[in-house]
Protein backbone atom coordinates (compact mmCIF):
# COMPACT_ATOMS: atom_id res chain seq x y z
CA MET A 1 -39.84 -17.14 -9.58
CA LEU A 2 -37.27 -15.84 -11.71
CA PRO A 3 -37.48 -11.88 -12.84
CA ASP A 4 -38.09 -11.70 -16.44
CA PHE A 5 -34.58 -11.63 -17.92
CA ASN A 6 -35.34 -9.04 -20.63
CA ARG A 7 -36.24 -6.42 -17.89
CA LEU A 8 -33.08 -7.32 -16.12
CA LYS A 9 -31.09 -6.35 -19.08
CA VAL A 10 -32.89 -3.14 -18.96
CA PHE A 11 -32.20 -2.66 -15.60
CA TYR A 12 -28.55 -3.30 -16.09
CA HIS A 13 -28.42 -0.62 -18.73
CA ILE A 14 -30.34 1.86 -16.82
CA TYR A 15 -28.15 1.37 -13.71
CA ARG A 16 -24.78 1.47 -15.53
CA THR A 17 -25.56 4.44 -17.62
CA GLY A 18 -27.71 6.38 -14.74
CA SER A 19 -30.21 7.40 -17.49
CA VAL A 20 -33.50 6.09 -18.88
CA VAL A 21 -32.45 8.00 -22.15
CA ALA A 22 -29.13 6.51 -22.49
CA ALA A 23 -30.22 3.10 -21.90
CA ALA A 24 -32.87 3.34 -24.69
CA GLU A 25 -30.19 4.46 -27.04
CA GLU A 26 -28.07 1.63 -26.04
CA LEU A 27 -31.01 -1.10 -26.34
CA CYS A 28 -32.64 0.49 -29.46
CA LEU A 29 -35.87 1.13 -27.55
CA THR A 30 -38.10 4.24 -27.05
CA GLN A 31 -37.77 5.75 -23.70
CA SER A 32 -41.28 4.89 -22.62
CA GLY A 33 -40.62 1.28 -23.53
CA VAL A 34 -37.54 1.42 -21.00
CA SER A 35 -39.59 2.94 -18.45
CA GLN A 36 -42.45 0.58 -18.53
CA HIS A 37 -39.84 -2.37 -18.53
CA LEU A 38 -38.41 -0.82 -15.05
CA GLN A 39 -41.75 -0.40 -13.71
CA LYS A 40 -42.87 -3.93 -14.31
CA LEU A 41 -39.52 -5.26 -12.89
CA GLU A 42 -40.11 -2.97 -9.59
CA ASN A 43 -43.40 -4.52 -9.28
CA GLU A 44 -42.11 -7.88 -9.91
CA ILE A 45 -39.65 -8.14 -7.31
CA GLY A 46 -41.56 -5.81 -4.92
CA LEU A 47 -38.83 -3.23 -4.51
CA PRO A 48 -38.18 0.31 -5.78
CA LEU A 49 -34.98 0.33 -7.83
CA PHE A 50 -34.41 4.13 -8.28
CA ILE A 51 -35.45 7.47 -6.79
CA ARG A 52 -36.37 9.89 -9.16
CA LEU A 53 -34.84 13.28 -7.83
CA HIS A 54 -34.77 16.58 -10.11
CA LYS A 55 -34.88 14.31 -13.37
CA LYS A 56 -31.97 12.18 -12.04
CA LEU A 57 -32.18 8.32 -11.10
CA ILE A 58 -30.75 7.58 -7.52
CA PRO A 59 -30.24 3.75 -7.14
CA THR A 60 -31.69 2.41 -4.04
CA ASN A 61 -29.88 -0.29 -1.81
CA GLY A 62 -31.92 -2.85 -3.70
CA ALA A 63 -30.53 -1.67 -6.88
CA HIS A 64 -26.94 -1.99 -5.84
CA LYS A 65 -27.60 -5.37 -4.78
CA LEU A 66 -29.31 -6.51 -7.69
CA PHE A 67 -26.75 -4.87 -9.99
CA LYS A 68 -23.84 -6.72 -8.32
CA ILE A 69 -25.60 -10.03 -9.47
CA VAL A 70 -26.78 -9.28 -12.64
CA SER A 71 -23.34 -7.57 -13.57
CA ALA A 72 -21.72 -10.67 -12.53
CA PHE A 73 -23.86 -12.80 -14.68
CA VAL A 74 -23.44 -10.43 -17.62
CA ASP A 75 -19.51 -10.38 -17.26
CA ASN A 76 -19.53 -14.23 -16.98
CA LEU A 77 -21.95 -14.87 -19.93
CA SER A 78 -19.88 -12.47 -22.15
CA VAL A 79 -16.63 -14.17 -21.35
CA GLY A 80 -18.24 -17.64 -21.65
CA VAL A 81 -19.78 -16.87 -25.04
CA LYS A 82 -16.49 -15.69 -26.28
CA TYR A 83 -14.75 -18.81 -24.94
CA ILE A 84 -17.03 -21.11 -26.58
CA CYS A 85 -17.06 -19.32 -29.96
CA ASP A 86 -13.31 -19.03 -30.03
CA ARG A 87 -12.14 -21.87 -32.56
CA HIS A 88 -9.05 -22.17 -30.61
CA GLU A 89 -11.01 -22.60 -27.36
CA LYS A 90 -8.68 -20.28 -25.72
CA PRO A 91 -10.04 -18.14 -22.90
CA MET A 92 -10.06 -14.42 -23.19
CA GLY A 93 -11.89 -11.73 -21.00
CA HIS A 94 -10.49 -9.34 -18.15
CA ILE A 95 -9.75 -10.57 -14.59
CA LYS A 96 -9.04 -7.95 -11.97
CA ILE A 97 -6.98 -9.17 -8.92
CA GLY A 98 -5.88 -7.00 -5.61
CA GLY A 99 -2.98 -7.74 -3.37
CA PRO A 100 -0.22 -6.36 -1.13
CA MET A 101 2.21 -4.25 -3.10
CA GLU A 102 5.36 -6.01 -2.46
CA PHE A 103 3.84 -9.57 -2.44
CA SER A 104 2.34 -8.77 -5.63
CA ARG A 105 5.50 -7.65 -7.41
CA ASN A 106 7.57 -10.67 -6.11
CA PHE A 107 4.77 -13.60 -6.48
CA PHE A 108 2.08 -12.42 -8.83
CA LEU A 109 3.85 -10.56 -11.55
CA PRO A 110 6.03 -13.57 -12.65
CA PHE A 111 2.86 -15.85 -12.82
CA PHE A 112 0.91 -13.09 -14.91
CA THR A 113 3.62 -13.06 -17.72
CA ALA A 114 3.43 -16.67 -17.75
CA PHE A 115 -0.18 -17.01 -17.98
CA GLN A 116 -0.37 -14.23 -20.83
CA LYS A 117 2.02 -15.89 -22.73
CA LEU A 118 -0.29 -18.85 -22.83
CA TYR A 119 -3.40 -16.83 -23.10
CA PRO A 120 -2.72 -13.46 -24.88
CA ALA A 121 -6.52 -12.80 -25.23
CA VAL A 122 -6.78 -12.42 -21.35
CA LYS A 123 -6.31 -9.10 -19.76
CA ILE A 124 -4.93 -8.78 -16.32
CA SER A 125 -5.37 -5.87 -13.91
CA LEU A 126 -3.44 -5.59 -10.64
CA TYR A 127 -4.61 -3.39 -7.90
CA SER A 128 -2.32 -3.00 -4.98
CA GLY A 129 -3.39 -1.34 -1.38
CA ASN A 130 -3.99 -2.00 2.02
CA PRO A 131 -6.67 -4.55 3.30
CA VAL A 132 -9.43 -2.05 4.05
CA GLU A 133 -9.11 -0.41 0.46
CA LEU A 134 -8.98 -4.03 -1.21
CA LEU A 135 -12.08 -5.19 0.47
CA LYS A 136 -14.13 -2.03 -0.43
CA GLN A 137 -13.13 -2.67 -4.16
CA LEU A 138 -14.00 -6.14 -3.78
CA PHE A 139 -17.39 -5.31 -2.36
CA ASN A 140 -18.21 -2.76 -5.07
CA GLY A 141 -17.03 -5.27 -7.73
CA GLN A 142 -14.16 -3.40 -8.75
CA ILE A 143 -12.09 -6.57 -8.47
CA ASP A 144 -12.68 -10.23 -8.66
CA MET A 145 -10.72 -11.38 -5.92
CA ALA A 146 -8.05 -10.02 -3.24
CA PHE A 147 -5.08 -11.53 -1.97
CA ILE A 148 -5.36 -9.89 1.76
CA ASP A 149 -2.66 -9.50 4.33
CA LEU A 150 -4.56 -9.48 7.66
CA PHE A 151 -1.74 -9.18 10.35
CA SER A 152 -1.66 -5.39 10.99
CA SER A 153 -5.04 -4.83 9.76
CA THR A 154 -6.66 -6.89 12.37
CA GLU A 155 -4.45 -5.51 14.94
CA LYS A 156 -5.91 -1.71 14.15
CA GLY A 157 -9.66 -3.27 14.19
CA GLN A 158 -9.94 -1.75 10.67
CA LEU A 159 -11.76 -4.93 9.44
CA VAL A 160 -14.68 -4.88 11.86
CA GLY A 161 -17.74 -5.05 9.94
CA ASN A 162 -19.76 -7.57 7.96
CA LEU A 163 -17.14 -9.99 7.13
CA SER A 164 -19.59 -12.63 6.38
CA ALA A 165 -19.95 -10.96 2.87
CA TYR A 166 -16.55 -12.69 2.10
CA THR A 167 -15.34 -15.90 1.72
CA ALA A 168 -11.50 -16.40 2.64
CA LYS A 169 -9.05 -18.98 1.89
CA SER A 170 -5.62 -19.10 3.33
CA VAL A 171 -3.07 -19.24 0.64
CA PHE A 172 0.34 -18.16 1.88
CA GLU A 173 2.26 -18.06 5.18
CA VAL A 174 4.89 -15.50 5.54
CA GLU A 175 7.39 -15.19 8.49
CA LEU A 176 7.52 -11.92 10.00
CA LEU A 177 10.85 -10.73 11.68
CA LEU A 178 12.18 -8.05 13.68
CA THR A 179 15.75 -7.51 12.03
CA CYS A 180 18.47 -4.74 12.16
CA SER A 181 21.92 -4.89 10.63
CA LYS A 182 24.79 -6.84 11.84
CA GLN A 183 26.74 -3.42 12.78
CA TYR A 184 23.53 -2.36 14.78
CA TYR A 185 23.35 -5.56 16.73
CA ASP A 186 26.98 -5.96 17.42
CA ILE A 187 26.58 -2.01 19.09
CA HIS A 188 23.24 -2.42 20.76
CA LEU A 189 22.29 -5.86 21.15
CA LYS A 190 25.26 -8.18 21.91
CA GLY A 191 22.95 -11.38 22.07
CA ASP A 192 20.59 -9.44 24.86
CA HIS A 193 17.28 -10.25 23.30
CA SER A 194 15.44 -9.33 26.49
CA TYR A 195 12.47 -7.03 26.74
CA GLN A 196 14.26 -4.53 28.83
CA ASN A 197 17.11 -4.18 26.22
CA LEU A 198 14.69 -4.15 22.97
CA LYS A 199 12.33 -1.59 24.28
CA LYS A 200 15.43 0.95 24.54
CA CYS A 201 16.34 0.36 20.93
CA SER A 202 15.69 2.67 18.02
CA TYR A 203 12.86 1.62 15.53
CA GLY A 204 11.74 2.11 11.95
CA THR A 205 8.08 1.36 11.01
CA TYR A 206 5.52 1.10 8.02
CA GLU A 207 2.46 1.23 10.09
CA ASP A 208 0.64 4.17 11.88
CA TYR A 209 1.93 4.37 15.44
CA GLY A 210 4.23 1.43 15.01
CA LEU A 211 1.52 -1.21 15.22
CA GLU A 212 3.40 -3.95 13.60
CA LEU A 213 6.14 -3.61 16.49
CA LYS A 214 3.59 -3.45 19.06
CA SER A 215 2.13 -6.65 17.56
CA TRP A 216 5.64 -8.28 17.81
CA PHE A 217 6.07 -7.51 21.41
CA LYS A 218 2.81 -8.44 22.37
CA HIS A 219 3.40 -11.94 20.65
CA HIS A 220 6.94 -12.54 22.11
CA PHE A 221 6.52 -10.89 25.44
CA LYS A 222 2.99 -10.58 26.35
CA ARG A 223 3.31 -6.87 26.84
CA ILE A 224 3.83 -3.77 24.86
CA PRO A 225 6.47 -0.88 25.62
CA ALA A 226 4.56 2.48 26.65
CA ASN A 227 6.79 4.39 24.25
CA LEU A 228 8.97 2.93 21.44
CA ASN A 229 11.72 5.26 20.16
CA ILE A 230 10.39 5.25 16.49
CA LYS A 231 12.64 7.08 14.46
CA PHE A 232 11.62 6.64 10.74
CA LYS A 233 8.39 5.71 8.93
CA ALA A 234 8.66 3.86 5.38
CA GLN A 235 6.03 3.89 3.01
CA ASN A 236 7.19 0.21 1.46
CA MET A 237 9.28 -2.69 2.51
CA PRO A 238 12.18 -1.85 0.11
CA THR A 239 12.58 1.48 1.85
CA SER A 240 12.38 -0.01 5.20
CA ILE A 241 14.91 -2.35 4.36
CA LEU A 242 17.42 0.30 3.27
CA TRP A 243 16.89 2.03 6.39
CA LEU A 244 17.86 -1.01 8.42
CA LYS A 245 20.87 -1.59 6.47
CA SER A 246 21.94 2.04 7.13
CA HIS A 247 22.50 0.54 10.72
CA MET A 248 19.92 3.15 12.24
CA GLY A 249 17.76 0.56 14.36
CA LEU A 250 15.41 -2.27 14.12
CA GLY A 251 12.17 -2.96 12.06
CA ILE A 252 9.58 -5.65 11.16
CA VAL A 253 10.02 -7.17 7.66
CA ASP A 254 8.72 -10.01 5.55
CA GLY A 255 11.18 -12.80 5.85
CA TYR A 256 11.24 -13.60 2.13
CA TRP A 257 12.51 -9.98 1.53
CA VAL A 258 15.58 -10.34 3.66
CA ALA A 259 16.17 -14.19 3.21
CA ASP A 260 19.54 -13.52 1.49
CA LEU A 261 20.47 -10.80 3.66
CA ILE A 262 20.31 -13.14 6.76
CA ASP A 263 22.18 -16.06 5.05
CA ASN A 264 25.13 -13.38 4.11
CA GLY A 265 24.88 -12.22 7.62
CA ASP A 266 24.21 -8.59 6.55
CA ILE A 267 20.78 -8.77 8.59
CA MET A 268 20.09 -10.27 11.95
CA PRO A 269 16.86 -11.52 13.10
CA ILE A 270 16.02 -11.14 16.86
CA THR A 271 14.73 -14.52 17.98
CA THR A 272 13.00 -15.14 21.64
CA ASP A 273 11.51 -18.33 22.97
CA GLN A 274 8.33 -17.82 21.00
CA PRO A 275 8.17 -18.89 17.39
CA GLN A 276 8.31 -16.40 14.84
CA ILE A 277 4.86 -14.62 13.73
CA MET A 278 3.31 -16.27 10.70
CA ASN A 279 1.25 -13.85 8.63
CA ARG A 280 -1.30 -15.48 6.71
CA ILE A 281 -2.24 -13.97 3.21
CA SER A 282 -5.87 -15.07 2.25
CA MET A 283 -7.51 -15.22 -0.81
CA MET A 284 -11.14 -13.39 -0.55
CA ARG A 285 -14.04 -13.29 -2.66
CA LEU A 286 -17.50 -11.90 -2.27
CA GLN A 287 -19.83 -14.55 -0.56
CA GLY A 288 -22.11 -16.14 -2.99
CA LYS A 289 -20.60 -14.93 -6.12
CA SER A 290 -20.05 -17.92 -8.63
CA MET A 291 -16.73 -18.49 -10.01
CA SER A 292 -16.35 -17.48 -13.91
CA ALA A 293 -14.85 -19.69 -16.36
CA LEU A 294 -11.99 -17.47 -16.80
CA GLU A 295 -11.41 -17.27 -12.95
CA THR A 296 -11.46 -21.01 -12.72
CA ILE A 297 -8.74 -21.35 -15.45
CA PHE A 298 -6.62 -18.74 -13.89
CA LEU A 299 -6.66 -20.19 -10.51
CA ASP A 300 -5.95 -23.69 -11.89
CA HIS A 301 -2.77 -22.36 -13.58
CA PHE A 302 -1.99 -20.28 -10.71
CA HIS A 303 -2.04 -23.30 -8.46
CA GLU A 304 0.15 -25.56 -10.70
CA HIS A 305 2.60 -22.47 -11.24
CA MET A 306 2.92 -22.10 -7.23
CA GLN A 307 3.30 -25.73 -6.86
CA ARG A 308 6.56 -25.56 -9.00
CA GLN A 309 8.29 -22.77 -7.12
CA GLU A 310 10.96 -23.37 -4.48
CA TRP A 311 9.98 -21.81 -1.31
CA THR A 312 12.08 -20.68 1.74
CA GLN A 313 11.34 -21.72 5.48
CA ARG A 314 10.21 -18.05 5.59
CA VAL A 315 7.11 -18.20 3.13
CA SER A 316 4.95 -21.10 2.48
CA TYR A 317 2.35 -21.90 -0.12
CA LEU A 318 -0.89 -23.57 1.34
CA GLY A 319 -2.71 -24.03 -1.84
CA ILE A 320 -5.85 -22.56 -3.59
């Protein structure tokens, strides 16, 4: 049987405010009335929702799980009612997206601008971070969906855990290239892309311990050098590319970042008999969370926008 909706509403306010007193003020009820609603809800579902500790309410694991369900319903209801009541039938509300920093800047921001011109009442928040941070925000309900770059993190083993809590849909494929400047190539490589020659070169990295470099060697040569000569660590892709253009060594970059530089002959990609690594960026959502009306409209427009783009061979849109 469904729990009483009025009691769920009371629980929502207690959890969000962390206080029976504050919840009573928001709901214009007495404190005893709020406490009775909470007690009846706990009896109804057969679980304690809060631990009373020194006049404070500490949510239990059951409360955390229930709040995720109830808050999703409340947020969706709020957006849906506003959408129905708006005489222009224009969507409104707040959508929160997470994604890799550089990729978001290049592919998401142009779409967000176009979307908000169509629907000015919609607020969009973009959160950038590594996959572990984004999955944590997704699990905690801080974001609605996350576009996750799984390449380096699966190599680290950072995503080990209950991935069954999420659904994943591959959306983009990005070519990952080992590159260097033309000057560095002519001095140090001279067409020799062998394992023995490459392991002697200098490298820049954007991952701890050069994990993306080790993954590249493992993919192309089925072995990893014991001690790569890592000379530089960048915080982001643009900084890494500037270092490469300074003729200092080799580094891994996303192909779409250096497509023009490769075409101009300024940057040289290192190839082997193996195909280049294709990194998949997946859209991830919480398992079982229903799609809100606003999210459906957002993703429909996103799909239409991406289908109209011209893609290079170094990045592909796979669909939503």
